[in-house]
Amino acid sequence: MTKLKIFLSSNQSEFQLERLMIKEFIEKTPIYSELFDIFIFEYVPADGASPKEIYLDEVKRSDIYIGLIGEKYGKIHKNGLSATEEEFDQFQKSQNRANTFIYILENSKPDKNTYKFIKKAHKVTYDTFVRENLLIKIQRSLEKFLYKKGILQNKDFDERVVLDSSYKDVSTEKVKHFLKIISISKIGDIDRNIKNTLQNRLNVLKENSNLTNAGVLFFSKNPEKFILQNEIRMVRFKGKDRVDIIDKKFINMTICEALKEVELFFIRNTSVRSEINGFKRKDIGEYPYEAIREAIVNAIAHRDYNIKGSPISFLIFSDRIEIISPGELTPPLTIDELGKRIIHRNRQICRLLERTSYMEVIGSGIPRMRKKMKEFDLPEPVFNENNGFFEVIFKNSKKILIDKSKLNSRQLKLLKRLKTIDEIDLKTYAQMFKTSKSTASRDLKQLNQLKYINKININKKQIKYTINPKILA
């Protein structure tokens, strides 16, 4: 197949970085590098021809025109136009003029000539952008173009066939585990029927033995081989900002494996307090994991997998947890309608998850998150759309008043000091107040039971304590 030509047009000095980013994005993204050649004037070797001859000749022969418009119009030629507007006008005369994609910088202050150019550009397909989400906007335009041309399958991402996959890429053990947790059949009957089950019961394996993307995400031996963007980045920060990292783990696994890893990371990096009622001890987490799990499941099920190079982020701070997934809500769904209206982006992934305990009832996830947070006496989760990403924020910031009458002088001094030293362990506490380890252990245990400090299990042998962010609010 002959490659399609993309012509990138803009004021070179104003968008120098963006032009380089777009070039690298096209050339380093596998499917785009196979389908497109991109023309950027500053990367053309000198051959004696005039610059104007070069860019007008190239734009005539291009299949797609991508134009960036900001504040600066650029050098005006004898005909009263800049090179960017000349390129735009020339492409509008071509037979491919419908493939014009204009992106106008938001919150800019265009000069007089640029403003006139913007009015002209409004007559064709255009979108606005901020510098952080330009590549996402361009990717969406190219995806629509490829679907329209019939080059890509006109299906949701999870239902598309992965052409270089085969039944050999299937992990038998992962299929068995999935069938076991959904109780689809007796485990003893599975070995000889796995291929049939994937084809006819789960619809993730096609007759030519290619997996769908959903099949890769649930049952492949190595999902990263086919879907690089299937990544979850988990990070535990020391404080309230993205500065000091205590723990981190990046994973690219099948969905059921990933959900287990997120749970383990959550347990390792959030505190647990104990309540004693009679002879019974009850451990209570810093957050209700049921609510966190619902948000992670939603992020996996509803993220936009068409956005390359953007993982799901699972971020734990001292006062909150943030879960950020690529892709805003599927139109026409709005944040106000969450929990009231259901629109799935990845229907096959959702259908498979709904057969497990991870996504029990369609549409119940958001109300369940709110209910669980309320049961823990915590604020409801906050939902945001931000530059092409969807965010869920769980806050742990309700103020706690300290009852000084229940504490000794050592404990009061510790709470004051923890505001500056961030964390402490048993040995350091005993040394700091020149007391025995048994006394230090009783002091810390009481502070934990009163919810004034949080217990963090760094590993099996190491335990640290941090001040509960609620008493800092």
Protein backbone atom coordinates (compact mmCIF):
# COMPACT_ATOMS: atom_id res chain seq x y z
CA MET A 1 0.00 0.00 0.00
CA THR A 2 1.31 3.46 -0.96
CA LYS A 3 1.76 5.66 2.06
CA LEU A 4 -0.54 8.65 2.50
CA LYS A 5 1.09 12.09 2.75
CA ILE A 6 0.49 14.44 5.68
CA PHE A 7 1.42 18.11 5.26
CA LEU A 8 2.07 19.94 8.55
CA SER A 9 1.57 23.69 8.35
CA SER A 10 2.12 26.36 11.00
CA ASN A 11 4.28 29.28 12.01
CA GLN A 12 7.59 27.46 12.49
CA SER A 13 8.98 29.55 15.35
CA GLU A 14 5.78 29.57 17.40
CA PHE A 15 5.24 25.82 17.19
CA GLN A 16 8.80 24.54 16.89
CA LEU A 17 8.39 21.98 19.70
CA GLU A 18 4.93 20.85 18.58
CA ARG A 19 6.14 20.28 15.01
CA LEU A 20 8.90 18.01 16.27
CA MET A 21 6.49 16.16 18.58
CA ILE A 22 4.03 15.51 15.74
CA LYS A 23 6.81 14.29 13.46
CA GLU A 24 8.10 11.84 16.08
CA PHE A 25 4.56 10.74 16.95
CA ILE A 26 3.79 9.79 13.33
CA GLU A 27 7.15 8.17 12.72
CA LYS A 28 7.33 6.20 15.99
CA THR A 29 3.73 4.98 16.29
CA PRO A 30 3.69 1.60 14.49
CA ILE A 31 0.38 1.88 12.62
CA TYR A 32 0.98 5.52 11.59
CA SER A 33 4.56 4.95 10.45
CA GLU A 34 3.27 2.21 8.14
CA LEU A 35 0.44 4.32 6.72
CA PHE A 36 1.77 7.90 6.62
CA ASP A 37 4.68 10.02 5.46
CA ILE A 38 4.75 13.47 7.05
CA PHE A 39 6.16 16.59 5.37
CA ILE A 40 7.70 19.23 7.64
CA PHE A 41 9.53 21.96 5.77
CA GLU A 42 12.51 22.41 8.10
CA TYR A 43 13.50 18.75 7.66
CA VAL A 44 13.73 18.98 3.83
CA PRO A 45 17.31 18.95 2.50
CA ALA A 46 18.36 21.91 0.32
CA ASP A 47 18.15 21.18 -3.46
CA GLY A 48 18.31 24.62 -5.04
CA ALA A 49 14.55 25.11 -5.39
CA SER A 50 12.89 28.15 -3.82
CA PRO A 51 11.18 27.51 -0.46
CA LYS A 52 7.82 28.58 -1.88
CA GLU A 53 8.10 26.14 -4.78
CA ILE A 54 8.90 23.31 -2.37
CA TYR A 55 6.06 23.79 0.10
CA LEU A 56 3.40 24.57 -2.52
CA ASP A 57 4.39 21.55 -4.58
CA GLU A 58 4.31 19.31 -1.50
CA VAL A 59 0.94 20.55 -0.32
CA LYS A 60 -0.58 19.91 -3.78
CA ARG A 61 0.47 16.26 -3.55
CA SER A 62 -0.64 15.70 0.06
CA ASP A 63 -3.60 13.64 1.24
CA ILE A 64 -4.04 15.31 4.63
CA TYR A 65 -3.43 18.90 5.77
CA ILE A 66 -2.77 19.52 9.48
CA GLY A 67 -2.62 23.20 10.40
CA LEU A 68 -1.74 24.80 13.74
CA ILE A 69 -2.81 28.38 14.37
CA GLY A 70 -1.68 30.39 17.40
CA GLU A 71 -0.88 34.08 17.88
CA LYS A 72 1.76 34.87 15.26
CA TYR A 73 0.85 35.21 11.59
CA GLY A 74 4.37 35.09 10.23
CA LYS A 75 6.27 36.86 7.45
CA ILE A 76 3.97 38.43 4.86
CA HIS A 77 4.86 37.80 1.20
CA LYS A 78 4.21 40.08 -1.79
CA ASN A 79 0.72 38.60 -2.23
CA GLY A 80 -0.19 39.72 1.31
CA LEU A 81 -0.22 36.20 2.75
CA SER A 82 2.06 34.23 5.06
CA ALA A 83 3.46 30.85 4.04
CA THR A 84 0.97 29.11 6.36
CA GLU A 85 -2.05 30.75 4.74
CA GLU A 86 -0.64 30.10 1.24
CA GLU A 87 -0.32 26.42 2.12
CA PHE A 88 -3.87 26.36 3.46
CA ASP A 89 -5.29 28.03 0.34
CA GLN A 90 -3.37 25.69 -1.97
CA PHE A 91 -4.69 22.57 -0.21
CA GLN A 92 -8.26 23.86 -0.44
CA LYS A 93 -7.87 23.77 -4.25
CA SER A 94 -6.92 20.08 -4.20
CA GLN A 95 -9.21 17.08 -4.51
CA ASN A 96 -8.38 16.16 -0.89
CA ARG A 97 -9.55 19.45 0.65
CA ALA A 98 -12.06 17.58 2.87
CA ASN A 99 -9.09 16.14 4.76
CA THR A 100 -8.19 19.48 6.32
CA PHE A 101 -7.65 19.41 10.08
CA ILE A 102 -7.10 22.80 11.73
CA TYR A 103 -6.16 23.16 15.42
CA ILE A 104 -6.45 26.60 17.03
CA LEU A 105 -4.55 27.35 20.25
CA GLU A 106 -6.89 28.06 23.18
CA ASN A 107 -6.61 31.23 25.28
CA SER A 108 -4.28 32.87 22.76
CA LYS A 109 -4.18 36.50 21.63
CA PRO A 110 -3.86 36.33 17.84
CA ASP A 111 -2.50 39.32 15.95
CA LYS A 112 -4.70 41.06 13.39
CA ASN A 113 -3.72 38.93 10.39
CA THR A 114 -3.95 35.69 12.35
CA TYR A 115 -7.45 36.63 13.47
CA LYS A 116 -8.52 37.02 9.83
CA PHE A 117 -6.90 33.67 9.01
CA ILE A 118 -8.83 32.00 11.86
CA LYS A 119 -12.12 33.30 10.44
CA LYS A 120 -11.23 31.69 7.10
CA ALA A 121 -10.18 28.43 8.81
CA HIS A 122 -13.56 28.23 10.56
CA LYS A 123 -15.09 27.23 7.22
CA VAL A 124 -13.40 23.81 7.41
CA THR A 125 -13.00 21.14 10.10
CA TYR A 126 -11.28 22.70 13.11
CA ASP A 127 -10.74 22.09 16.81
CA THR A 128 -9.13 23.99 19.67
CA PHE A 129 -6.22 22.68 21.71
CA VAL A 130 -3.88 23.32 24.60
CA ARG A 131 -0.29 22.28 24.09
CA GLU A 132 -0.64 19.29 26.44
CA ASN A 133 -3.46 17.60 24.49
CA LEU A 134 -2.51 18.40 20.87
CA LEU A 135 -1.30 14.88 20.06
CA ILE A 136 -4.54 13.39 21.41
CA LYS A 137 -6.59 15.71 19.21
CA ILE A 138 -4.52 14.86 16.12
CA GLN A 139 -4.74 11.14 16.85
CA ARG A 140 -8.54 11.31 17.01
CA SER A 141 -8.67 13.08 13.65
CA LEU A 142 -6.39 10.51 12.04
CA GLU A 143 -8.41 7.61 13.50
CA LYS A 144 -11.63 9.07 12.03
CA PHE A 145 -9.89 9.57 8.68
CA LEU A 146 -8.70 5.94 8.61
CA TYR A 147 -12.14 4.60 9.53
CA LYS A 148 -13.77 6.73 6.83
CA LYS A 149 -11.33 5.38 4.25
CA GLY A 150 -12.01 1.82 5.39
CA ILE A 151 -8.35 1.33 6.29
CA LEU A 152 -9.16 0.52 9.91
CA GLN A 153 -11.97 -1.71 11.07
CA ASN A 154 -15.04 0.34 11.91
CA LYS A 155 -15.45 -1.19 15.37
CA ASP A 156 -14.77 -0.22 18.96
CA PHE A 157 -11.17 -0.82 19.99
CA ASP A 158 -11.93 -3.87 22.14
CA GLU A 159 -13.81 -5.62 19.29
CA ARG A 160 -11.13 -5.11 16.64
CA VAL A 161 -9.14 -8.13 15.51
CA VAL A 162 -5.41 -8.17 16.33
CA LEU A 163 -4.07 -9.41 12.99
CA ASP A 164 -0.67 -10.61 14.23
CA SER A 165 -2.16 -12.59 17.13
CA SER A 166 -3.10 -16.27 17.17
CA TYR A 167 -4.42 -18.96 19.47
CA LYS A 168 -0.79 -19.68 20.42
CA ASP A 169 -0.79 -16.35 22.30
CA VAL A 170 -3.56 -17.53 24.64
CA SER A 171 -2.67 -18.46 28.23
CA THR A 172 -4.66 -21.58 29.10
CA GLU A 173 -4.26 -20.88 32.82
CA LYS A 174 -5.72 -17.37 32.48
CA VAL A 175 -8.73 -18.73 30.62
CA LYS A 176 -9.24 -21.40 33.29
CA HIS A 177 -9.04 -18.80 36.05
CA PHE A 178 -11.57 -16.57 34.32
CA LEU A 179 -14.01 -19.42 33.71
CA LYS A 180 -13.65 -20.46 37.32
CA ILE A 181 -14.49 -17.04 38.73
CA ILE A 182 -17.54 -16.69 36.48
CA SER A 183 -18.61 -20.35 37.01
CA ILE A 184 -19.30 -20.85 33.30
CA SER A 185 -18.57 -24.58 33.44
CA LYS A 186 -16.90 -27.22 35.58
CA ILE A 187 -13.16 -26.84 35.67
CA GLY A 188 -12.70 -30.48 34.61
CA ASP A 189 -14.43 -29.91 31.26
CA ILE A 190 -12.32 -26.96 30.20
CA ASP A 191 -9.06 -28.32 28.78
CA ARG A 192 -10.45 -29.70 25.53
CA ASN A 193 -12.96 -26.89 25.03
CA ILE A 194 -10.92 -23.72 25.60
CA LYS A 195 -10.71 -22.74 21.94
CA ASN A 196 -14.42 -23.34 21.46
CA THR A 197 -15.18 -21.35 24.62
CA LEU A 198 -13.14 -18.37 23.45
CA GLN A 199 -14.82 -18.43 20.02
CA ASN A 200 -18.43 -19.21 20.85
CA ARG A 201 -19.02 -18.36 24.49
CA LEU A 202 -16.79 -15.33 24.96
CA ASN A 203 -16.49 -14.14 21.31
CA VAL A 204 -12.85 -13.04 21.66
CA LEU A 205 -11.28 -15.52 19.22
CA LYS A 206 -12.22 -15.41 15.54
CA GLU A 207 -12.43 -18.32 13.09
CA ASN A 208 -9.01 -17.47 11.67
CA SER A 209 -7.62 -17.79 15.25
CA ASN A 210 -6.96 -14.05 15.66
CA LEU A 211 -7.77 -12.60 19.08
CA THR A 212 -9.76 -9.42 19.51
CA ASN A 213 -8.18 -6.67 21.60
CA ALA A 214 -10.49 -7.72 24.47
CA GLY A 215 -9.18 -11.26 24.10
CA VAL A 216 -5.62 -9.96 24.37
CA LEU A 217 -6.46 -7.89 27.44
CA PHE A 218 -8.04 -10.83 29.28
CA PHE A 219 -6.34 -13.99 28.07
CA SER A 220 -3.01 -13.41 26.30
CA LYS A 221 0.32 -14.58 27.66
CA ASN A 222 1.82 -11.14 27.10
CA PRO A 223 -0.61 -8.22 26.51
CA GLU A 224 2.30 -5.78 26.17
CA LYS A 225 3.31 -7.53 22.94
CA PHE A 226 0.15 -6.20 21.27
CA ILE A 227 -1.15 -3.27 23.34
CA LEU A 228 1.62 -1.05 24.74
CA GLN A 229 -0.86 1.43 26.20
CA ASN A 230 -2.34 -1.27 28.44
CA GLU A 231 -0.31 -0.01 31.39
CA ILE A 232 -1.12 1.00 34.95
CA ARG A 233 1.42 3.17 36.75
CA MET A 234 1.09 2.99 40.53
CA VAL A 235 2.96 5.51 42.68
CA ARG A 236 2.91 6.27 46.40
CA PHE A 237 4.11 9.80 47.22
CA LYS A 238 5.39 10.87 50.61
CA GLY A 239 3.30 14.01 50.96
CA LYS A 240 0.57 15.91 49.14
CA ASP A 241 2.61 16.70 46.01
CA ARG A 242 4.24 14.69 43.23
CA VAL A 243 7.73 15.08 44.64
CA ASP A 244 9.12 12.39 46.93
CA ILE A 245 8.25 8.81 45.91
CA ILE A 246 7.97 6.12 48.58
CA ASP A 247 6.93 3.22 46.33
CA LYS A 248 6.07 2.63 42.69
CA LYS A 249 5.17 -0.19 40.31
CA PHE A 250 4.36 -0.13 36.60
CA ILE A 251 2.41 -3.08 35.18
CA ASN A 252 1.15 -4.28 31.78
CA MET A 253 -0.87 -7.41 32.56
CA THR A 254 -4.17 -9.02 31.72
CA ILE A 255 -7.11 -7.30 33.36
CA CYS A 256 -7.73 -9.83 36.15
CA GLU A 257 -4.01 -9.92 37.03
CA ALA A 258 -3.84 -6.10 37.04
CA LEU A 259 -6.79 -5.77 39.43
CA LYS A 260 -5.04 -8.06 41.91
CA GLU A 261 -1.76 -6.11 41.65
CA VAL A 262 -3.56 -2.80 42.28
CA GLU A 263 -5.16 -4.26 45.40
CA LEU A 264 -1.78 -5.44 46.73
CA PHE A 265 -0.22 -2.03 46.04
CA PHE A 266 -3.14 -0.32 47.81
CA ILE A 267 -2.80 -2.56 50.88
CA ARG A 268 0.97 -2.02 51.01
CA ASN A 269 0.73 1.77 50.77
CA THR A 270 -2.28 2.75 52.88
CA SER A 271 -2.61 2.59 56.62
CA VAL A 272 -4.76 0.29 58.75
CA ARG A 273 -6.02 1.04 62.24
CA SER A 274 -7.43 -1.43 64.72
CA GLU A 275 -10.55 -1.17 66.87
CA ILE A 276 -11.07 -3.48 69.84
CA ASN A 277 -14.63 -4.39 70.76
CA GLY A 278 -14.64 -6.80 73.69
CA PHE A 279 -12.31 -9.64 72.69
CA LYS A 280 -12.66 -8.96 68.99
CA ARG A 281 -10.23 -6.89 66.94
CA LYS A 282 -11.29 -5.23 63.69
CA ASP A 283 -8.84 -3.78 61.18
CA ILE A 284 -10.13 -0.70 59.36
CA GLY A 285 -8.43 0.68 56.26
CA GLU A 286 -7.70 4.29 55.52
CA TYR A 287 -10.10 4.14 52.54
CA PRO A 288 -12.85 1.65 51.61
CA TYR A 289 -11.14 -0.57 49.04
CA GLU A 290 -14.51 -1.44 47.48
CA ALA A 291 -14.78 2.19 46.32
CA ILE A 292 -11.19 2.28 45.04
CA ARG A 293 -11.70 -1.01 43.17
CA GLU A 294 -14.85 0.31 41.48
CA ALA A 295 -12.88 3.32 40.19
CA ILE A 296 -10.03 1.13 38.90
CA VAL A 297 -12.46 -1.25 37.19
CA ASN A 298 -14.20 1.72 35.56
CA ALA A 299 -10.85 3.15 34.44
CA ILE A 300 -9.90 -0.16 32.79
CA ALA A 301 -13.34 -0.73 31.28
CA HIS A 302 -14.00 2.77 29.97
CA ARG A 303 -10.57 4.22 29.15
CA ASP A 304 -9.88 5.24 25.55
CA TYR A 305 -7.45 2.58 24.33
CA ASN A 306 -7.06 4.46 21.04
CA ILE A 307 -4.89 7.00 22.88
CA LYS A 308 -1.36 5.68 22.54
CA GLY A 309 1.38 6.26 25.11
CA SER A 310 -0.96 7.18 27.98
CA PRO A 311 -1.31 4.72 30.88
CA ILE A 312 -3.82 4.65 33.72
CA SER A 313 -2.32 6.37 36.77
CA PHE A 314 -3.04 5.15 40.32
CA LEU A 315 -1.53 7.77 42.65
CA ILE A 316 -1.56 7.64 46.46
CA PHE A 317 -0.81 10.87 48.36
CA SER A 318 -0.89 11.55 52.09
CA ASP A 319 -4.34 13.14 51.83
CA ARG A 320 -5.94 11.57 48.74
CA ILE A 321 -5.92 8.92 46.02
CA GLU A 322 -6.13 9.92 42.34
CA ILE A 323 -7.08 7.55 39.52
CA ILE A 324 -6.53 9.07 36.08
CA SER A 325 -7.46 7.34 32.83
CA PRO A 326 -6.97 8.39 29.18
CA GLY A 327 -10.10 9.66 27.46
CA GLU A 328 -12.90 11.90 28.67
CA LEU A 329 -16.47 10.63 29.14
CA THR A 330 -18.10 9.10 26.07
CA PRO A 331 -20.43 11.74 24.55
CA PRO A 332 -23.17 12.64 25.28
CA LEU A 333 -22.52 11.44 28.87
CA THR A 334 -21.68 14.24 31.32
CA ILE A 335 -20.26 14.25 34.86
CA ASP A 336 -23.67 15.25 36.27
CA GLU A 337 -25.17 12.09 34.73
CA LEU A 338 -22.64 9.67 36.25
CA GLY A 339 -24.49 6.92 38.09
CA LYS A 340 -27.74 7.83 36.36
CA ARG A 341 -26.98 7.07 32.71
CA ILE A 342 -24.89 4.30 31.14
CA ILE A 343 -22.79 4.66 27.98
CA HIS A 344 -20.04 2.08 27.43
CA ARG A 345 -16.91 2.88 25.42
CA ASN A 346 -15.60 -0.72 25.39
CA ARG A 347 -18.67 -2.94 25.32
CA GLN A 348 -16.86 -6.27 24.98
CA ILE A 349 -14.56 -5.53 27.92
CA CYS A 350 -17.58 -4.46 29.97
CA ARG A 351 -19.52 -7.61 29.05
CA LEU A 352 -16.64 -9.79 30.24
CA LEU A 353 -16.15 -7.80 33.46
CA GLU A 354 -19.87 -7.89 34.21
CA ARG A 355 -19.66 -11.69 34.38
CA THR A 356 -17.17 -11.43 37.25
CA SER A 357 -17.45 -10.04 40.77
CA TYR A 358 -15.41 -6.98 39.70
CA MET A 359 -18.34 -5.31 37.91
CA GLU A 360 -21.40 -6.84 39.49
CA VAL A 361 -24.33 -4.67 38.38
CA ILE A 362 -24.38 -2.42 35.33
CA GLY A 363 -24.45 1.24 36.36
CA SER A 364 -24.07 0.59 40.09
CA GLY A 365 -20.39 1.47 40.37
CA ILE A 366 -20.66 5.23 40.96
CA PRO A 367 -23.46 4.99 43.59
CA ARG A 368 -21.50 2.22 45.34
CA MET A 369 -18.35 4.40 45.47
CA ARG A 370 -20.34 7.23 47.05
CA LYS A 371 -22.01 4.88 49.54
CA LYS A 372 -18.75 3.27 50.66
CA MET A 373 -17.01 6.63 51.16
CA LYS A 374 -19.96 7.83 53.24
CA GLU A 375 -19.76 4.69 55.39
CA PHE A 376 -16.12 5.58 56.13
CA ASP A 377 -17.15 9.12 57.04
CA LEU A 378 -15.17 10.45 54.05
CA PRO A 379 -16.14 12.96 51.35
CA GLU A 380 -17.77 11.66 48.17
CA PRO A 381 -15.35 11.01 45.29
CA VAL A 382 -14.69 13.96 42.98
CA PHE A 383 -14.94 13.45 39.19
CA ASN A 384 -13.14 15.68 36.69
CA GLU A 385 -12.44 15.84 32.95
CA ASN A 386 -9.07 17.43 32.24
CA ASN A 387 -7.33 17.82 28.86
CA GLY A 388 -8.44 14.48 27.44
CA PHE A 389 -8.26 12.54 30.72
CA PHE A 390 -10.86 11.45 33.29
CA GLU A 391 -10.01 11.76 36.99
CA VAL A 392 -11.50 10.28 40.15
CA ILE A 393 -10.22 11.73 43.42
CA PHE A 394 -10.81 10.14 46.83
CA LYS A 395 -10.08 12.62 49.60
CA ASN A 396 -9.08 11.76 53.14
CA SER A 397 -9.30 15.20 54.65
CA LYS A 398 -12.00 15.39 57.31
CA LYS A 399 -10.61 17.20 60.35
CA ILE A 400 -10.03 15.26 63.58
CA LEU A 401 -9.77 17.07 66.92
CA ILE A 402 -7.11 15.71 69.28
CA ASP A 403 -8.29 14.79 72.79
CA LYS A 404 -5.16 15.72 74.76
CA SER A 405 -6.56 14.25 77.98
CA LYS A 406 -6.09 10.74 76.56
CA LEU A 407 -2.42 11.24 75.66
CA ASN A 408 0.82 11.37 77.60
CA SER A 409 3.54 14.01 77.04
CA ARG A 410 5.53 11.75 74.69
CA GLN A 411 2.55 11.21 72.41
CA LEU A 412 1.71 14.91 72.30
CA LYS A 413 5.30 15.80 71.41
CA LEU A 414 5.32 13.14 68.69
CA LEU A 415 2.18 14.51 67.01
CA LYS A 416 3.72 17.97 66.96
CA ARG A 417 7.02 16.65 65.60
CA LEU A 418 5.41 14.46 62.91
CA LYS A 419 4.23 17.60 61.18
CA THR A 420 7.86 18.23 60.21
CA ILE A 421 9.60 14.83 60.13
CA ASP A 422 6.76 13.08 58.22
CA GLU A 423 7.27 9.54 59.56
CA ILE A 424 8.69 7.48 62.43
CA ASP A 425 9.24 3.84 63.36
CA LEU A 426 9.22 2.00 66.70
CA LYS A 427 12.99 2.06 67.21
CA THR A 428 13.29 5.80 66.47
CA TYR A 429 10.39 6.58 68.83
CA ALA A 430 12.02 4.62 71.68
CA GLN A 431 15.35 6.39 71.11
CA MET A 432 13.74 9.81 70.75
CA PHE A 433 11.98 9.60 74.14
CA LYS A 434 14.51 7.28 75.86
CA THR A 435 11.94 4.64 76.64
CA SER A 436 11.65 0.87 76.20
CA LYS A 437 10.38 -0.69 72.99
CA SER A 438 7.36 -2.14 74.81
CA THR A 439 6.37 1.33 76.09
CA ALA A 440 6.98 2.83 72.64
CA SER A 441 4.84 0.08 71.11
CA ARG A 442 1.95 0.84 73.52
CA ASP A 443 2.16 4.59 72.79
CA LEU A 444 2.12 4.10 69.02
CA LYS A 445 -0.63 1.46 69.17
CA GLN A 446 -2.88 3.81 71.15
CA LEU A 447 -2.26 6.71 68.74
CA ASN A 448 -3.14 4.39 65.86
CA GLN A 449 -6.35 3.23 67.55
CA LEU A 450 -7.35 6.85 68.16
CA LYS A 451 -6.79 7.52 64.41
CA TYR A 452 -4.14 10.18 65.14
CA ILE A 453 -1.44 8.30 63.26
CA ASN A 454 -1.52 5.86 60.36
CA LYS A 455 0.33 2.56 60.31
CA ILE A 456 2.11 1.77 57.04
CA ASN A 457 3.55 -1.67 56.32
CA ILE A 458 6.66 -0.96 54.23
CA ASN A 459 7.41 -4.70 54.05
CA LYS A 460 6.97 -7.75 56.29
CA LYS A 461 9.60 -6.57 58.78
CA GLN A 462 9.40 -2.78 58.52
CA ILE A 463 6.51 -0.69 59.87
CA LYS A 464 6.36 3.09 59.88
CA TYR A 465 3.86 5.60 61.20
CA THR A 466 2.72 8.88 59.69
CA ILE A 467 0.40 11.52 61.07
CA ASN A 468 -3.20 11.17 59.91
CA PRO A 469 -3.72 13.95 57.32
CA LYS A 470 -7.21 14.50 58.73
CA ILE A 471 -5.78 16.20 61.83
CA LEU A 472 -3.80 18.54 59.59
CA ALA A 473 -6.80 19.75 57.59
